[in-house]
């Protein structure tokens, strides 16, 4: 990979990726972190690719400007929890815990983000394991271990061995969204593909999947807006 700076103020770094399969130039501005990537055919030079990017300078900056700002997690801010914007406050507690409509943490700003992240991961594991057990029970299939990660390219996956992986950030989404993703992956225990037969399994164990699926497609990047100091 090679990198170059787009002209203008502030400067914008572009990452160039060569692809033997690329037949044309593809320019992408990530909605998650604002990274600008230009994929190009192997026969194109970096100078030619940069010239193409310069022609799209206005388009690139427009998309960067329209990105939703990131939100640093701290005492006094808020975080989504099961679809509800939840205020974060300092309190006389030993660890992060819910108290009414607020999320309380010990009054140590330096540790607040880490404690809230740990809390969210525990809540995510509780919700996802329960959902996976319920859906796999409906199918009469056992699943393997459940792993949580902070993935950006996918919300979940199912291996050929039946191990399930999910993004712990799903606990920030409305409950039906997390339920849909759990059902989506558990259905792969029966059909390890995305055939009509597979979607019939998802629909059977999780009726009304269109609304949560659309929510995730439209609002999914919001869950990556929150930064936990790492």
Protein backbone atom coordinates (compact mmCIF):
# COMPACT_ATOMS: atom_id res chain seq x y z
CA UNK A 1 0.00 0.00 0.00
CA UNK A 2 1.08 3.54 -0.73
CA UNK A 3 -0.15 6.83 0.69
CA UNK A 4 -0.30 10.43 -0.46
CA UNK A 5 -1.85 13.70 0.69
CA UNK A 6 -4.71 15.38 -1.11
CA UNK A 7 -4.16 19.09 -1.70
CA UNK A 8 -6.10 21.61 0.37
CA UNK A 9 -6.56 22.50 4.02
CA UNK A 10 -6.70 20.40 6.09
CA UNK A 11 -4.63 17.82 4.23
CA UNK A 12 -6.35 14.47 3.65
CA UNK A 13 -4.37 11.23 3.52
CA UNK A 14 -5.32 8.76 0.81
CA UNK A 15 -4.37 5.09 0.88
CA UNK A 16 -3.83 3.44 -2.52
CA UNK A 17 -4.55 -0.24 -2.94
CA UNK A 18 -3.61 -2.17 -6.08
CA UNK A 19 -5.96 -4.95 -7.13
CA UNK A 20 -5.50 -7.41 -9.95
CA UNK A 21 -9.29 -7.76 -10.10
CA UNK A 22 -9.98 -4.01 -10.32
CA UNK A 23 -11.08 -2.87 -13.77
CA UNK A 24 -11.60 0.75 -12.76
CA UNK A 25 -10.77 3.17 -9.98
CA UNK A 26 -12.87 2.88 -6.82
CA UNK A 27 -12.81 5.70 -4.27
CA UNK A 28 -14.22 5.13 -0.79
CA UNK A 29 -14.61 7.33 2.29
CA UNK A 30 -15.22 5.17 5.37
CA UNK A 31 -18.26 6.18 7.36
CA UNK A 32 -16.64 4.64 10.44
CA UNK A 33 -13.26 6.34 10.71
CA UNK A 34 -13.08 8.71 7.72
CA UNK A 35 -10.26 6.85 6.00
CA UNK A 36 -10.03 7.56 2.30
CA UNK A 37 -9.09 4.54 0.17
CA UNK A 38 -8.53 4.39 -3.57
CA UNK A 39 -8.47 0.96 -5.19
CA UNK A 40 -6.85 0.89 -8.63
CA UNK A 41 -5.84 -1.55 -11.38
CA UNK A 42 -2.29 -2.84 -11.22
CA UNK A 43 -1.31 -0.94 -14.38
CA UNK A 44 -2.15 2.48 -12.95
CA UNK A 45 0.57 4.64 -11.38
CA UNK A 46 0.19 6.40 -8.06
CA UNK A 47 0.51 9.77 -9.84
CA UNK A 48 -2.40 8.86 -12.11
CA UNK A 49 -4.45 7.69 -9.15
CA UNK A 50 -3.67 10.87 -7.19
CA UNK A 51 -4.72 12.97 -10.18
CA UNK A 52 -8.04 11.12 -10.20
CA UNK A 53 -8.46 11.78 -6.47
CA UNK A 54 -7.69 15.48 -6.97
CA UNK A 55 -10.55 15.64 -9.49
CA UNK A 56 -12.80 14.26 -6.72
CA UNK A 57 -11.37 16.58 -4.05
CA UNK A 58 -14.69 18.33 -3.46
CA UNK A 59 -16.61 15.05 -3.27
CA UNK A 60 -14.13 13.61 -0.76
CA UNK A 61 -14.26 16.65 1.51
CA UNK A 62 -18.06 16.79 1.32
CA UNK A 63 -18.29 13.19 2.52
CA UNK A 64 -15.75 13.79 5.28
CA UNK A 65 -17.69 16.83 6.47
CA UNK A 66 -20.97 14.89 6.55
CA UNK A 67 -19.58 12.14 8.77
CA UNK A 68 -21.13 11.97 12.21
CA UNK A 69 -18.70 13.17 14.85
CA UNK A 70 -17.17 10.60 17.16
CA UNK A 71 -18.16 10.69 20.80
CA UNK A 72 -15.58 10.15 23.54
CA UNK A 73 -17.00 8.20 26.47
CA UNK A 74 -16.53 10.01 29.77
CA UNK A 75 -18.40 11.06 32.88
CA UNK A 76 -20.88 13.69 31.77
CA UNK A 77 -21.37 12.23 28.28
CA UNK A 78 -23.82 9.52 27.26
CA UNK A 79 -23.85 6.17 25.48
CA UNK A 80 -26.44 4.10 23.67
CA UNK A 81 -27.62 1.09 25.65
CA UNK A 82 -30.21 -1.15 23.99
CA UNK A 83 -31.23 1.71 21.77
CA UNK A 84 -31.61 4.32 24.52
CA UNK A 85 -29.22 7.26 24.95
CA UNK A 86 -28.08 6.78 28.54
CA UNK A 87 -26.35 9.53 30.59
CA UNK A 88 -23.06 8.65 32.32
CA UNK A 89 -22.56 9.98 35.84
CA UNK A 90 -20.08 9.56 38.67
CA UNK A 91 -21.41 7.87 41.78
CA UNK A 92 -20.57 5.93 44.90
CA UNK A 93 -20.23 2.60 43.12
CA UNK A 94 -17.39 0.12 42.66
CA UNK A 95 -17.98 -0.53 38.98
CA UNK A 96 -20.25 0.65 36.20
CA UNK A 97 -23.89 -0.12 36.93
CA UNK A 98 -27.33 1.06 35.89
CA UNK A 99 -29.26 3.23 38.33
CA UNK A 100 -32.62 4.27 36.98
CA UNK A 101 -32.08 5.98 33.63
CA UNK A 102 -28.36 6.62 34.20
CA UNK A 103 -25.16 4.60 34.03
CA UNK A 104 -23.09 5.20 37.15
CA UNK A 105 -19.31 4.75 37.40
CA UNK A 106 -16.79 5.49 40.15
CA UNK A 107 -15.83 9.21 39.98
CA UNK A 108 -12.48 8.58 38.28
CA UNK A 109 -12.53 10.17 34.85
CA UNK A 110 -9.34 8.40 33.72
CA UNK A 111 -10.94 4.97 34.19
CA UNK A 112 -14.51 5.80 33.18
CA UNK A 113 -14.28 4.74 29.52
CA UNK A 114 -12.63 1.40 30.33
CA UNK A 115 -15.22 0.63 33.02
CA UNK A 116 -18.12 1.45 30.74
CA UNK A 117 -16.64 -0.66 27.95
CA UNK A 118 -16.31 -3.60 30.35
CA UNK A 119 -19.92 -3.11 31.44
CA UNK A 120 -21.19 -3.04 27.86
CA UNK A 121 -19.25 -6.19 26.95
CA UNK A 122 -20.74 -8.07 29.92
CA UNK A 123 -24.24 -6.94 29.00
CA UNK A 124 -23.64 -7.90 25.37
CA UNK A 125 -22.47 -11.38 26.35
CA UNK A 126 -25.50 -11.88 28.57
CA UNK A 127 -27.95 -10.82 25.85
CA UNK A 128 -26.23 -12.62 22.98
CA UNK A 129 -25.69 -15.93 24.78
CA UNK A 130 -29.33 -15.93 25.89
CA UNK A 131 -30.52 -15.17 22.34
CA UNK A 132 -28.28 -17.82 20.78
CA UNK A 133 -29.42 -20.47 23.22
CA UNK A 134 -33.06 -19.61 22.56
CA UNK A 135 -32.75 -19.66 18.76
CA UNK A 136 -30.56 -22.75 18.61
CA UNK A 137 -33.09 -24.47 20.88
CA UNK A 138 -35.85 -23.65 18.40
CA UNK A 139 -33.76 -25.32 15.71
CA UNK A 140 -32.75 -28.29 17.83
CA UNK A 141 -29.09 -27.54 17.13
CA UNK A 142 -26.28 -26.93 19.57
CA UNK A 143 -23.83 -24.10 18.94
CA UNK A 144 -20.16 -23.75 19.81
CA UNK A 145 -18.51 -21.03 21.82
CA UNK A 146 -19.67 -17.43 21.64
CA UNK A 147 -16.90 -14.87 21.12
CA UNK A 148 -17.20 -11.09 21.31
CA UNK A 149 -15.00 -8.72 19.31
CA UNK A 150 -15.00 -5.10 18.21
CA UNK A 151 -15.38 -5.82 14.51
CA UNK A 152 -16.03 -3.22 11.82
CA UNK A 153 -16.64 -5.28 8.70
CA UNK A 154 -19.34 -7.58 10.10
CA UNK A 155 -21.72 -7.79 13.06
CA UNK A 156 -21.45 -11.53 13.48
CA UNK A 157 -20.28 -14.78 11.96
CA UNK A 158 -20.73 -18.53 12.30
CA UNK A 159 -17.91 -20.98 11.63
CA UNK A 160 -18.27 -24.41 10.07
CA UNK A 161 -17.78 -25.83 13.57
CA UNK A 162 -20.72 -23.84 14.92
CA UNK A 163 -18.68 -21.23 16.81
CA UNK A 164 -20.39 -17.83 16.87
CA UNK A 165 -18.76 -14.41 16.87
CA UNK A 166 -20.48 -11.06 17.45
CA UNK A 167 -19.60 -7.41 17.81
CA UNK A 168 -20.18 -6.43 21.44
CA UNK A 169 -21.39 -3.03 20.17
CA UNK A 170 -24.70 -4.72 19.29
CA UNK A 171 -25.75 -4.16 22.91
CA UNK A 172 -25.99 -0.46 22.06
CA UNK A 173 -28.57 -1.16 19.35
CA UNK A 174 -32.29 -1.72 20.04
CA UNK A 175 -33.01 -5.16 21.43
CA UNK A 176 -34.68 -6.44 18.28
CA UNK A 177 -31.54 -5.61 16.28
CA UNK A 178 -29.34 -7.73 18.55
CA UNK A 179 -31.97 -10.49 18.41
CA UNK A 180 -32.00 -10.39 14.62
CA UNK A 181 -28.20 -10.67 14.35
CA UNK A 182 -28.18 -13.58 16.80
CA UNK A 183 -30.89 -15.35 14.78
CA UNK A 184 -29.03 -14.55 11.55
CA UNK A 185 -25.90 -16.33 12.75
CA UNK A 186 -27.64 -19.22 14.52
CA UNK A 187 -29.53 -19.99 11.31
CA UNK A 188 -26.16 -20.80 9.75
CA UNK A 189 -26.07 -23.87 11.99
CA UNK A 190 -28.65 -25.28 9.56
CA UNK A 191 -27.69 -23.54 6.31
CA UNK A 192 -24.10 -22.29 6.03
CA UNK A 193 -24.98 -20.00 3.13
CA UNK A 194 -27.42 -17.21 2.23
CA UNK A 195 -29.76 -19.24 0.04
CA UNK A 196 -33.57 -18.90 0.09
CA UNK A 197 -33.63 -21.94 2.38
CA UNK A 198 -31.36 -20.09 4.81
CA UNK A 199 -33.55 -16.97 4.88
CA UNK A 200 -36.58 -19.18 5.47
CA UNK A 201 -34.86 -20.48 8.63
CA UNK A 202 -34.14 -16.93 9.83
CA UNK A 203 -37.73 -15.87 9.17
CA UNK A 204 -39.06 -18.90 11.02
CA UNK A 205 -37.13 -18.27 14.24
CA UNK A 206 -37.11 -14.46 14.01
CA UNK A 207 -40.27 -13.19 12.26
CA UNK A 208 -40.36 -9.54 11.24
CA UNK A 209 -36.66 -9.35 10.48
CA UNK A 210 -36.96 -6.58 7.89
CA UNK A 211 -37.23 -3.69 10.37
CA UNK A 212 -34.14 -4.56 12.49
CA UNK A 213 -32.20 -5.45 9.36
CA UNK A 214 -33.00 -2.02 7.88
CA UNK A 215 -32.12 -0.29 11.18
CA UNK A 216 -28.69 -1.88 11.14
CA UNK A 217 -28.10 -0.98 7.51
CA UNK A 218 -29.10 2.66 8.04
CA UNK A 219 -27.81 3.27 11.59
CA UNK A 220 -25.10 0.67 12.12
CA UNK A 221 -22.24 3.13 11.80
CA UNK A 222 -23.66 5.11 14.75
CA UNK A 223 -22.59 2.26 17.04
CA UNK A 224 -18.98 2.86 15.97
CA UNK A 225 -19.23 6.55 16.79
CA UNK A 226 -18.38 5.92 20.44
CA UNK A 227 -14.73 5.88 21.44
CA UNK A 228 -13.56 4.22 24.63
CA UNK A 229 -10.07 5.63 24.85
CA UNK A 230 -8.41 2.75 23.00
